[in-house]
């Protein structure tokens, strides 16, 4: 998503990544990787629990959870990953965003 971030912005969307790390680990990673979008540390799992993100110890922790949330705060697309690499491609997200943009005009 980092490399495609400008495309998301062109489609009037913002990316927010929520992760299990503490604030300092997040700052370090975001800086090292030059990530242009928002990173939200969630070390106490408050956000991940709200969205019912799965944690499977045998699969190395939190499973990917990808959502598109509209401007009113409603989840319009949700993908619960079954393993660490189970993440939809960016075109899937862009298509959902385009459909939401069309319906709001």
PDB file of N, CA and C in Angstrom:
ATOM      1  N   UNK A   1       0.821  -1.192   0.000  1.00  0.00           N
ATOM      2  CA  UNK A   1       0.000   0.000   0.000  1.00  0.00           C
ATOM      3  C   UNK A   1       0.866   1.257   0.000  1.00  0.00           C
ATOM      4  N   UNK A   2       2.038   1.169   0.604  1.00  0.00           N
ATOM      5  CA  UNK A   2       2.904   2.341   0.655  1.00  0.00           C
ATOM      6  C   UNK A   2       3.172   2.894  -0.738  1.00  0.00           C
ATOM      7  N   UNK A   3       3.545   2.016  -1.657  1.00  0.00           N
ATOM      8  CA  UNK A   3       3.896   2.463  -3.000  1.00  0.00           C
ATOM      9  C   UNK A   3       2.689   2.940  -3.792  1.00  0.00           C
ATOM     10  N   UNK A   4       1.507   2.482  -3.430  1.00  0.00           N
ATOM     11  CA  UNK A   4       0.283   2.888  -4.131  1.00  0.00           C
ATOM     12  C   UNK A   4      -0.477   3.987  -3.409  1.00  0.00           C
ATOM     13  N   UNK A   5       0.087   4.519  -2.358  1.00  0.00           N
ATOM     14  CA  UNK A   5      -0.602   5.533  -1.568  1.00  0.00           C
ATOM     15  C   UNK A   5      -1.102   6.707  -2.418  1.00  0.00           C
ATOM     16  N   UNK A   6      -0.298   7.239  -3.341  1.00  0.00           N
ATOM     17  CA  UNK A   6      -0.811   8.350  -4.165  1.00  0.00           C
ATOM     18  C   UNK A   6      -2.094   7.989  -4.919  1.00  0.00           C
ATOM     19  N   UNK A   7      -2.230   6.756  -5.330  1.00  0.00           N
ATOM     20  CA  UNK A   7      -3.441   6.324  -6.023  1.00  0.00           C
ATOM     21  C   UNK A   7      -4.650   6.369  -5.090  1.00  0.00           C
ATOM     22  N   UNK A   8      -4.452   5.984  -3.848  1.00  0.00           N
ATOM     23  CA  UNK A   8      -5.554   6.055  -2.878  1.00  0.00           C
ATOM     24  C   UNK A   8      -5.968   7.507  -2.660  1.00  0.00           C
ATOM     25  N   UNK A   9      -4.995   8.395  -2.532  1.00  0.00           N
ATOM     26  CA  UNK A   9      -5.286   9.812  -2.339  1.00  0.00           C
ATOM     27  C   UNK A   9      -6.042  10.370  -3.548  1.00  0.00           C
ATOM     28  N   UNK A  10      -5.651   9.972  -4.753  1.00  0.00           N
ATOM     29  CA  UNK A  10      -6.345  10.408  -5.969  1.00  0.00           C
ATOM     30  C   UNK A  10      -7.811   9.982  -5.971  1.00  0.00           C
ATOM     31  N   UNK A  11      -8.119   8.893  -5.266  1.00  0.00           N
ATOM     32  CA  UNK A  11      -9.490   8.382  -5.192  1.00  0.00           C
ATOM     33  C   UNK A  11     -10.199   8.853  -3.920  1.00  0.00           C
ATOM     34  N   UNK A  12      -9.663   9.927  -3.334  1.00  0.00           N
ATOM     35  CA  UNK A  12     -10.260  10.536  -2.130  1.00  0.00           C
ATOM     36  C   UNK A  12     -10.358   9.564  -0.962  1.00  0.00           C
ATOM     37  N   UNK A  13      -9.300   8.807  -0.749  1.00  0.00           N
ATOM     38  CA  UNK A  13      -9.281   7.845   0.348  1.00  0.00           C
ATOM     39  C   UNK A  13      -8.048   8.075   1.208  1.00  0.00           C
ATOM     40  N   UNK A  14      -8.129   7.639   2.432  1.00  0.00           N
ATOM     41  CA  UNK A  14      -7.004   7.695   3.356  1.00  0.00           C
ATOM     42  C   UNK A  14      -6.753   6.297   3.883  1.00  0.00           C
ATOM     43  N   UNK A  15      -5.495   5.988   4.139  1.00  0.00           N
ATOM     44  CA  UNK A  15      -5.116   4.689   4.703  1.00  0.00           C
ATOM     45  C   UNK A  15      -4.725   4.903   6.152  1.00  0.00           C
ATOM     46  N   UNK A  16      -5.215   4.026   6.998  1.00  0.00           N
ATOM     47  CA  UNK A  16      -4.800   3.997   8.397  1.00  0.00           C
ATOM     48  C   UNK A  16      -4.427   2.557   8.705  1.00  0.00           C
ATOM     49  N   UNK A  17      -3.200   2.359   9.140  1.00  0.00           N
ATOM     50  CA  UNK A  17      -2.728   1.021   9.489  1.00  0.00           C
ATOM     51  C   UNK A  17      -2.686   0.896  11.005  1.00  0.00           C
ATOM     52  N   UNK A  18      -3.323  -0.129  11.518  1.00  0.00           N
ATOM     53  CA  UNK A  18      -3.347  -0.390  12.952  1.00  0.00           C
ATOM     54  C   UNK A  18      -2.463  -1.598  13.203  1.00  0.00           C
ATOM     55  N   UNK A  19      -1.573  -1.486  14.173  1.00  0.00           N
ATOM     56  CA  UNK A  19      -0.661  -2.588  14.448  1.00  0.00           C
ATOM     57  C   UNK A  19      -0.491  -2.843  15.930  1.00  0.00           C
ATOM     58  N   UNK A  20       0.058  -3.997  16.270  1.00  0.00           N
ATOM     59  CA  UNK A  20       0.146  -4.418  17.664  1.00  0.00           C
ATOM     60  C   UNK A  20       1.320  -3.829  18.441  1.00  0.00           C
ATOM     61  N   UNK A  21       2.078  -2.961  17.823  1.00  0.00           N
ATOM     62  CA  UNK A  21       3.276  -2.438  18.460  1.00  0.00           C
ATOM     63  C   UNK A  21       2.974  -1.230  19.336  1.00  0.00           C
ATOM     64  N   UNK A  22       3.948  -0.880  20.199  1.00  0.00           N
ATOM     65  CA  UNK A  22       3.802   0.327  21.001  1.00  0.00           C
ATOM     66  C   UNK A  22       4.199   1.544  20.167  1.00  0.00           C
ATOM     67  N   UNK A  23       4.003   2.715  20.717  1.00  0.00           N
ATOM     68  CA  UNK A  23       4.222   3.969  19.991  1.00  0.00           C
ATOM     69  C   UNK A  23       5.648   4.086  19.450  1.00  0.00           C
ATOM     70  N   UNK A  24       6.642   3.795  20.260  1.00  0.00           N
ATOM     71  CA  UNK A  24       8.021   3.964  19.807  1.00  0.00           C
ATOM     72  C   UNK A  24       8.368   3.002  18.676  1.00  0.00           C
ATOM     73  N   UNK A  25       7.939   1.757  18.783  1.00  0.00           N
ATOM     74  CA  UNK A  25       8.196   0.783  17.716  1.00  0.00           C
ATOM     75  C   UNK A  25       7.518   1.234  16.419  1.00  0.00           C
ATOM     76  N   UNK A  26       6.306   1.768  16.537  1.00  0.00           N
ATOM     77  CA  UNK A  26       5.599   2.267  15.358  1.00  0.00           C
ATOM     78  C   UNK A  26       6.354   3.424  14.726  1.00  0.00           C
ATOM     79  N   UNK A  27       6.754   4.382  15.539  1.00  0.00           N
ATOM     80  CA  UNK A  27       7.499   5.539  15.016  1.00  0.00           C
ATOM     81  C   UNK A  27       8.766   5.091  14.307  1.00  0.00           C
ATOM     82  N   UNK A  28       9.483   4.181  14.915  1.00  0.00           N
ATOM     83  CA  UNK A  28      10.725   3.694  14.309  1.00  0.00           C
ATOM     84  C   UNK A  28      10.466   3.025  12.970  1.00  0.00           C
ATOM     85  N   UNK A  29       9.491   2.124  12.924  1.00  0.00           N
ATOM     86  CA  UNK A  29       9.188   1.400  11.689  1.00  0.00           C
ATOM     87  C   UNK A  29       8.703   2.360  10.604  1.00  0.00           C
ATOM     88  N   UNK A  30       7.794   3.250  10.957  1.00  0.00           N
ATOM     89  CA  UNK A  30       7.247   4.195   9.974  1.00  0.00           C
ATOM     90  C   UNK A  30       8.363   5.064   9.396  1.00  0.00           C
ATOM     91  N   UNK A  31       9.286   5.477  10.249  1.00  0.00           N
ATOM     92  CA  UNK A  31      10.400   6.304   9.796  1.00  0.00           C
ATOM     93  C   UNK A  31      11.366   5.510   8.910  1.00  0.00           C
ATOM     94  N   UNK A  32      11.732   4.312   9.347  1.00  0.00           N
ATOM     95  CA  UNK A  32      12.666   3.462   8.582  1.00  0.00           C
ATOM     96  C   UNK A  32      12.105   3.098   7.218  1.00  0.00           C
ATOM     97  N   UNK A  33      10.797   2.825   7.148  1.00  0.00           N
ATOM     98  CA  UNK A  33      10.172   2.374   5.910  1.00  0.00           C
ATOM     99  C   UNK A  33       9.594   3.521   5.082  1.00  0.00           C
ATOM    100  N   UNK A  34       9.673   4.732   5.611  1.00  0.00           N
ATOM    101  CA  UNK A  34       9.169   5.913   4.915  1.00  0.00           C
ATOM    102  C   UNK A  34       7.701   5.739   4.486  1.00  0.00           C
ATOM    103  N   UNK A  35       6.875   5.361   5.426  1.00  0.00           N
ATOM    104  CA  UNK A  35       5.457   5.103   5.149  1.00  0.00           C
ATOM    105  C   UNK A  35       4.703   6.430   5.216  1.00  0.00           C
ATOM    106  N   UNK A  36       3.968   6.777   4.143  1.00  0.00           N
ATOM    107  CA  UNK A  36       3.338   8.096   4.067  1.00  0.00           C
ATOM    108  C   UNK A  36       1.968   8.213   4.720  1.00  0.00           C
ATOM    109  N   UNK A  37       1.373   7.106   5.139  1.00  0.00           N
ATOM    110  CA  UNK A  37       0.031   7.174   5.710  1.00  0.00           C
ATOM    111  C   UNK A  37       0.074   6.980   7.216  1.00  0.00           C
ATOM    112  N   UNK A  38      -1.075   7.068   7.824  1.00  0.00           N
ATOM    113  CA  UNK A  38      -1.199   7.071   9.271  1.00  0.00           C
ATOM    114  C   UNK A  38      -0.990   5.664   9.849  1.00  0.00           C
ATOM    115  N   UNK A  39      -0.211   5.595  10.906  1.00  0.00           N
ATOM    116  CA  UNK A  39      -0.017   4.352  11.645  1.00  0.00           C
ATOM    117  C   UNK A  39      -0.542   4.529  13.059  1.00  0.00           C
ATOM    118  N   UNK A  40      -1.359   3.605  13.490  1.00  0.00           N
ATOM    119  CA  UNK A  40      -1.962   3.685  14.815  1.00  0.00           C
ATOM    120  C   UNK A  40      -1.486   2.522  15.670  1.00  0.00           C
ATOM    121  N   UNK A  41      -0.677   2.800  16.698  1.00  0.00           N
ATOM    122  CA  UNK A  41      -0.246   1.720  17.584  1.00  0.00           C
ATOM    123  C   UNK A  41      -1.420   1.216  18.414  1.00  0.00           C
ATOM    124  N   UNK A  42      -1.510  -0.086  18.542  1.00  0.00           N
ATOM    125  CA  UNK A  42      -2.622  -0.712  19.258  1.00  0.00           C
ATOM    126  C   UNK A  42      -2.094  -1.836  20.142  1.00  0.00           C
ATOM    127  N   UNK A  43      -1.114  -1.500  20.958  1.00  0.00           N
ATOM    128  CA  UNK A  43      -0.456  -2.515  21.790  1.00  0.00           C
ATOM    129  C   UNK A  43      -1.411  -3.198  22.763  1.00  0.00           C
ATOM    130  N   UNK A  44      -2.434  -2.489  23.206  1.00  0.00           N
ATOM    131  CA  UNK A  44      -3.393  -3.099  24.145  1.00  0.00           C
ATOM    132  C   UNK A  44      -4.577  -3.762  23.435  1.00  0.00           C
ATOM    133  N   UNK A  45      -4.572  -3.785  22.084  1.00  0.00           N
ATOM    134  CA  UNK A  45      -5.558  -4.477  21.247  1.00  0.00           C
ATOM    135  C   UNK A  45      -6.965  -3.878  21.307  1.00  0.00           C
ATOM    136  N   UNK A  46      -7.089  -2.652  21.733  1.00  0.00           N
ATOM    137  CA  UNK A  46      -8.396  -2.007  21.826  1.00  0.00           C
ATOM    138  C   UNK A  46      -9.073  -1.936  20.465  1.00  0.00           C
ATOM    139  N   UNK A  47      -8.369  -1.429  19.470  1.00  0.00           N
ATOM    140  CA  UNK A  47      -8.954  -1.274  18.136  1.00  0.00           C
ATOM    141  C   UNK A  47      -9.172  -2.639  17.485  1.00  0.00           C
ATOM    142  N   UNK A  48      -8.183  -3.508  17.573  1.00  0.00           N
ATOM    143  CA  UNK A  48      -8.332  -4.827  16.940  1.00  0.00           C
ATOM    144  C   UNK A  48      -9.500  -5.607  17.540  1.00  0.00           C
ATOM    145  N   UNK A  49      -9.731  -5.454  18.820  1.00  0.00           N
ATOM    146  CA  UNK A  49     -10.883  -6.119  19.439  1.00  0.00           C
ATOM    147  C   UNK A  49     -12.201  -5.530  18.955  1.00  0.00           C
ATOM    148  N   UNK A  50     -12.253  -4.208  18.769  1.00  0.00           N
ATOM    149  CA  UNK A  50     -13.478  -3.577  18.269  1.00  0.00           C
ATOM    150  C   UNK A  50     -13.869  -4.107  16.894  1.00  0.00           C
ATOM    151  N   UNK A  51     -12.869  -4.378  16.065  1.00  0.00           N
ATOM    152  CA  UNK A  51     -13.128  -4.855  14.699  1.00  0.00           C
ATOM    153  C   UNK A  51     -13.051  -6.387  14.594  1.00  0.00           C
ATOM    154  N   UNK A  52     -12.910  -7.038  15.734  1.00  0.00           N
ATOM    155  CA  UNK A  52     -12.901  -8.502  15.816  1.00  0.00           C
ATOM    156  C   UNK A  52     -11.782  -9.139  14.975  1.00  0.00           C
ATOM    157  N   UNK A  53     -10.608  -8.524  15.039  1.00  0.00           N
ATOM    158  CA  UNK A  53      -9.456  -9.076  14.329  1.00  0.00           C
ATOM    159  C   UNK A  53      -8.991 -10.332  15.057  1.00  0.00           C
ATOM    160  N   UNK A  54      -8.808 -11.389  14.294  1.00  0.00           N
ATOM    161  CA  UNK A  54      -8.395 -12.661  14.869  1.00  0.00           C
ATOM    162  C   UNK A  54      -6.928 -12.660  15.274  1.00  0.00           C
ATOM    163  N   UNK A  55      -6.653 -13.324  16.374  1.00  0.00           N
ATOM    164  CA  UNK A  55      -5.285 -13.591  16.795  1.00  0.00           C
ATOM    165  C   UNK A  55      -5.140 -15.101  16.879  1.00  0.00           C
ATOM    166  N   UNK A  56      -4.216 -15.642  16.095  1.00  0.00           N
ATOM    167  CA  UNK A  56      -3.986 -17.085  16.082  1.00  0.00           C
ATOM    168  C   UNK A  56      -2.509 -17.320  16.384  1.00  0.00           C
ATOM    169  N   UNK A  57      -2.237 -17.807  17.577  1.00  0.00           N
ATOM    170  CA  UNK A  57      -0.855 -17.986  18.010  1.00  0.00           C
ATOM    171  C   UNK A  57      -0.074 -18.912  17.083  1.00  0.00           C
ATOM    172  N   UNK A  58      -0.727 -19.941  16.571  1.00  0.00           N
ATOM    173  CA  UNK A  58      -0.045 -20.890  15.686  1.00  0.00           C
ATOM    174  C   UNK A  58       0.322 -20.279  14.336  1.00  0.00           C
ATOM    175  N   UNK A  59      -0.285 -19.145  14.005  1.00  0.00           N
ATOM    176  CA  UNK A  59       0.001 -18.467  12.734  1.00  0.00           C
ATOM    177  C   UNK A  59       0.728 -17.147  12.970  1.00  0.00           C
ATOM    178  N   UNK A  60       1.429 -17.032  14.078  1.00  0.00           N
ATOM    179  CA  UNK A  60       2.285 -15.891  14.399  1.00  0.00           C
ATOM    180  C   UNK A  60       1.561 -14.611  14.797  1.00  0.00           C
ATOM    181  N   UNK A  61       0.340 -14.706  15.298  1.00  0.00           N
ATOM    182  CA  UNK A  61      -0.314 -13.521  15.843  1.00  0.00           C
ATOM    183  C   UNK A  61      -1.548 -13.064  15.112  1.00  0.00           C
ATOM    184  N   UNK A  62      -1.676 -11.750  14.988  1.00  0.00           N
ATOM    185  CA  UNK A  62      -2.856 -11.153  14.377  1.00  0.00           C
ATOM    186  C   UNK A  62      -2.961 -11.511  12.902  1.00  0.00           C
ATOM    187  N   UNK A  63      -4.129 -11.933  12.508  1.00  0.00           N
ATOM    188  CA  UNK A  63      -4.393 -12.179  11.093  1.00  0.00           C
ATOM    189  C   UNK A  63      -4.725 -10.840  10.430  1.00  0.00           C
ATOM    190  N   UNK A  64      -4.407 -10.701   9.153  1.00  0.00           N
ATOM    191  CA  UNK A  64      -4.726  -9.444   8.474  1.00  0.00           C
ATOM    192  C   UNK A  64      -6.228  -9.168   8.488  1.00  0.00           C
ATOM    193  N   UNK A  65      -6.560  -7.931   8.731  1.00  0.00           N
ATOM    194  CA  UNK A  65      -7.934  -7.453   8.650  1.00  0.00           C
ATOM    195  C   UNK A  65      -7.886  -6.162   7.850  1.00  0.00           C
ATOM    196  N   UNK A  66      -8.572  -6.138   6.735  1.00  0.00           N
ATOM    197  CA  UNK A  66      -8.603  -4.965   5.874  1.00  0.00           C
ATOM    198  C   UNK A  66     -10.036  -4.494   5.745  1.00  0.00           C
ATOM    199  N   UNK A  67     -10.259  -3.199   5.962  1.00  0.00           N
ATOM    200  CA  UNK A  67     -11.600  -2.622   5.902  1.00  0.00           C
ATOM    201  C   UNK A  67     -11.581  -1.359   5.056  1.00  0.00           C
ATOM    202  N   UNK A  68     -12.705  -1.097   4.431  1.00  0.00           N
ATOM    203  CA  UNK A  68     -12.962   0.209   3.844  1.00  0.00           C
ATOM    204  C   UNK A  68     -14.125   0.770   4.646  1.00  0.00           C
ATOM    205  N   UNK A  69     -13.895   1.942   5.231  1.00  0.00           N
ATOM    206  CA  UNK A  69     -14.896   2.588   6.076  1.00  0.00           C
ATOM    207  C   UNK A  69     -15.313   3.881   5.394  1.00  0.00           C
ATOM    208  N   UNK A  70     -16.613   4.088   5.259  1.00  0.00           N
ATOM    209  CA  UNK A  70     -17.074   5.289   4.560  1.00  0.00           C
ATOM    210  C   UNK A  70     -16.993   6.514   5.472  1.00  0.00           C
ATOM    211  N   UNK A  71     -17.366   7.642   4.924  1.00  0.00           N
ATOM    212  CA  UNK A  71     -17.244   8.908   5.657  1.00  0.00           C
ATOM    213  C   UNK A  71     -18.166   8.992   6.860  1.00  0.00           C
ATOM    214  N   UNK A  72     -19.190   8.173   6.892  1.00  0.00           N
ATOM    215  CA  UNK A  72     -20.097   8.136   8.045  1.00  0.00           C
ATOM    216  C   UNK A  72     -19.633   7.136   9.099  1.00  0.00           C
ATOM    217  N   UNK A  73     -18.508   6.483   8.856  1.00  0.00           N
ATOM    218  CA  UNK A  73     -17.957   5.545   9.822  1.00  0.00           C
ATOM    219  C   UNK A  73     -18.463   4.120   9.693  1.00  0.00           C
ATOM    220  N   UNK A  74     -19.161   3.814   8.592  1.00  0.00           N
ATOM    221  CA  UNK A  74     -19.686   2.460   8.388  1.00  0.00           C
ATOM    222  C   UNK A  74     -18.687   1.626   7.600  1.00  0.00           C
ATOM    223  N   UNK A  75     -18.507   0.392   8.041  1.00  0.00           N
ATOM    224  CA  UNK A  75     -17.646  -0.534   7.302  1.00  0.00           C
ATOM    225  C   UNK A  75     -18.391  -0.960   6.049  1.00  0.00           C
ATOM    226  N   UNK A  76     -17.785  -0.708   4.896  1.00  0.00           N
ATOM    227  CA  UNK A  76     -18.415  -1.029   3.624  1.00  0.00           C
ATOM    228  C   UNK A  76     -17.771  -2.212   2.935  1.00  0.00           C
ATOM    229  N   UNK A  77     -16.585  -2.574   3.366  1.00  0.00           N
ATOM    230  CA  UNK A  77     -15.884  -3.744   2.825  1.00  0.00           C
ATOM    231  C   UNK A  77     -14.992  -4.256   3.946  1.00  0.00           C
ATOM    232  N   UNK A  78     -15.010  -5.566   4.149  1.00  0.00           N
ATOM    233  CA  UNK A  78     -14.172  -6.183   5.176  1.00  0.00           C
ATOM    234  C   UNK A  78     -13.591  -7.470   4.634  1.00  0.00           C
ATOM    235  N   UNK A  79     -12.307  -7.651   4.861  1.00  0.00           N
ATOM    236  CA  UNK A  79     -11.636  -8.894   4.482  1.00  0.00           C
ATOM    237  C   UNK A  79     -10.858  -9.384   5.694  1.00  0.00           C
ATOM    238  N   UNK A  80     -11.253 -10.548   6.204  1.00  0.00           N
ATOM    239  CA  UNK A  80     -10.544 -11.196   7.304  1.00  0.00           C
ATOM    240  C   UNK A  80      -9.578 -12.195   6.680  1.00  0.00           C
ATOM    241  N   UNK A  81      -8.281 -11.941   6.810  1.00  0.00           N
ATOM    242  CA  UNK A  81      -7.274 -12.823   6.229  1.00  0.00           C
ATOM    243  C   UNK A  81      -7.173 -14.136   6.982  1.00  0.00           C
ATOM    244  N   UNK A  82      -6.861 -15.204   6.258  1.00  0.00           N
ATOM    245  CA  UNK A  82      -6.719 -16.526   6.876  1.00  0.00           C
ATOM    246  C   UNK A  82      -5.267 -16.854   7.203  1.00  0.00           C
ATOM    247  N   UNK A  83      -4.340 -16.044   6.678  1.00  0.00           N
ATOM    248  CA  UNK A  83      -2.925 -16.189   7.013  1.00  0.00           C
ATOM    249  C   UNK A  83      -2.245 -14.839   6.801  1.00  0.00           C
ATOM    250  N   UNK A  84      -0.977 -14.737   7.131  1.00  0.00           N
ATOM    251  CA  UNK A  84      -0.289 -13.451   7.109  1.00  0.00           C
ATOM    252  C   UNK A  84      -0.161 -12.837   5.706  1.00  0.00           C
ATOM    253  N   UNK A  85      -0.289 -13.631   4.676  1.00  0.00           N
ATOM    254  CA  UNK A  85      -0.168 -13.099   3.314  1.00  0.00           C
ATOM    255  C   UNK A  85      -1.516 -12.935   2.615  1.00  0.00           C
ATOM    256  N   UNK A  86      -2.586 -13.251   3.302  1.00  0.00           N
ATOM    257  CA  UNK A  86      -3.928 -13.172   2.725  1.00  0.00           C
ATOM    258  C   UNK A  86      -4.450 -11.736   2.810  1.00  0.00           C
ATOM    259  N   UNK A  87      -4.013 -10.923   1.853  1.00  0.00           N
ATOM    260  CA  UNK A  87      -4.380  -9.513   1.800  1.00  0.00           C
ATOM    261  C   UNK A  87      -4.825  -9.202   0.375  1.00  0.00           C
ATOM    262  N   UNK A  88      -6.001  -8.598   0.203  1.00  0.00           N
ATOM    263  CA  UNK A  88      -6.461  -8.263  -1.150  1.00  0.00           C
ATOM    264  C   UNK A  88      -5.493  -7.295  -1.840  1.00  0.00           C
ATOM    265  N   UNK A  89      -5.510  -7.313  -3.166  1.00  0.00           N
ATOM    266  CA  UNK A  89      -4.651  -6.377  -3.886  1.00  0.00           C
ATOM    267  C   UNK A  89      -5.254  -4.975  -3.826  1.00  0.00           C
ATOM    268  N   UNK A  90      -4.446  -3.996  -4.126  1.00  0.00           N
ATOM    269  CA  UNK A  90      -4.880  -2.603  -4.032  1.00  0.00           C
ATOM    270  C   UNK A  90      -6.043  -2.283  -4.959  1.00  0.00           C
ATOM    271  N   UNK A  91      -6.103  -2.941  -6.106  1.00  0.00           N
ATOM    272  CA  UNK A  91      -7.204  -2.698  -7.042  1.00  0.00           C
ATOM    273  C   UNK A  91      -8.552  -3.047  -6.419  1.00  0.00           C
ATOM    274  N   UNK A  92      -8.597  -4.052  -5.586  1.00  0.00           N
ATOM    275  CA  UNK A  92      -9.840  -4.413  -4.896  1.00  0.00           C
ATOM    276  C   UNK A  92     -10.316  -3.240  -4.053  1.00  0.00           C
ATOM    277  N   UNK A  93      -9.400  -2.657  -3.287  1.00  0.00           N
ATOM    278  CA  UNK A  93      -9.761  -1.517  -2.447  1.00  0.00           C
ATOM    279  C   UNK A  93     -10.175  -0.310  -3.283  1.00  0.00           C
ATOM    280  N   UNK A  94      -9.418  -0.025  -4.333  1.00  0.00           N
ATOM    281  CA  UNK A  94      -9.722   1.122  -5.200  1.00  0.00           C
ATOM    282  C   UNK A  94     -11.113   0.956  -5.826  1.00  0.00           C
ATOM    283  N   UNK A  95     -11.461  -0.255  -6.250  1.00  0.00           N
ATOM    284  CA  UNK A  95     -12.791  -0.505  -6.828  1.00  0.00           C
ATOM    285  C   UNK A  95     -13.905  -0.228  -5.817  1.00  0.00           C
ATOM    286  N   UNK A  96     -13.718  -0.691  -4.586  1.00  0.00           N
ATOM    287  CA  UNK A  96     -14.716  -0.431  -3.541  1.00  0.00           C
ATOM    288  C   UNK A  96     -14.817   1.066  -3.289  1.00  0.00           C
ATOM    289  N   UNK A  97     -13.696   1.740  -3.205  1.00  0.00           N
ATOM    290  CA  UNK A  97     -13.679   3.188  -2.964  1.00  0.00           C
ATOM    291  C   UNK A  97     -14.378   3.921  -4.105  1.00  0.00           C
ATOM    292  N   UNK A  98     -14.088   3.529  -5.334  1.00  0.00           N
ATOM    293  CA  UNK A  98     -14.752   4.160  -6.488  1.00  0.00           C
ATOM    294  C   UNK A  98     -16.261   3.975  -6.426  1.00  0.00           C
ATOM    295  N   UNK A  99     -16.719   2.793  -6.061  1.00  0.00           N
ATOM    296  CA  UNK A  99     -18.158   2.545  -5.949  1.00  0.00           C
ATOM    297  C   UNK A  99     -18.778   3.433  -4.859  1.00  0.00           C
ATOM    298  N   UNK A 100     -18.080   3.574  -3.736  1.00  0.00           N
ATOM    299  CA  UNK A 100     -18.588   4.435  -2.672  1.00  0.00           C
ATOM    300  C   UNK A 100     -18.631   5.895  -3.128  1.00  0.00           C
ATOM    301  N   UNK A 101     -17.583   6.323  -3.813  1.00  0.00           N
ATOM    302  CA  UNK A 101     -17.550   7.704  -4.317  1.00  0.00           C
ATOM    303  C   UNK A 101     -18.691   7.968  -5.290  1.00  0.00           C
ATOM    304  N   UNK A 102     -18.977   7.007  -6.179  1.00  0.00           N
ATOM    305  CA  UNK A 102     -20.071   7.161  -7.141  1.00  0.00           C
ATOM    306  C   UNK A 102     -21.411   7.268  -6.426  1.00  0.00           C
ATOM    307  N   UNK A 103     -21.609   6.445  -5.409  1.00  0.00           N
ATOM    308  CA  UNK A 103     -22.905   6.430  -4.712  1.00  0.00           C
ATOM    309  C   UNK A 103     -23.109   7.658  -3.854  1.00  0.00           C
ATOM    310  N   UNK A 104     -22.037   8.365  -3.492  1.00  0.00           N
ATOM    311  CA  UNK A 104     -22.190   9.544  -2.641  1.00  0.00           C
ATOM    312  C   UNK A 104     -22.329  10.829  -3.437  1.00  0.00           C
ATOM    313  N   UNK A 105     -22.197  10.748  -4.758  1.00  0.00           N
ATOM    314  CA  UNK A 105     -22.333  11.955  -5.595  1.00  0.00           C
ATOM    315  C   UNK A 105     -23.764  12.216  -5.976  1.00  0.00           C
TER     316      UNK A 105
END
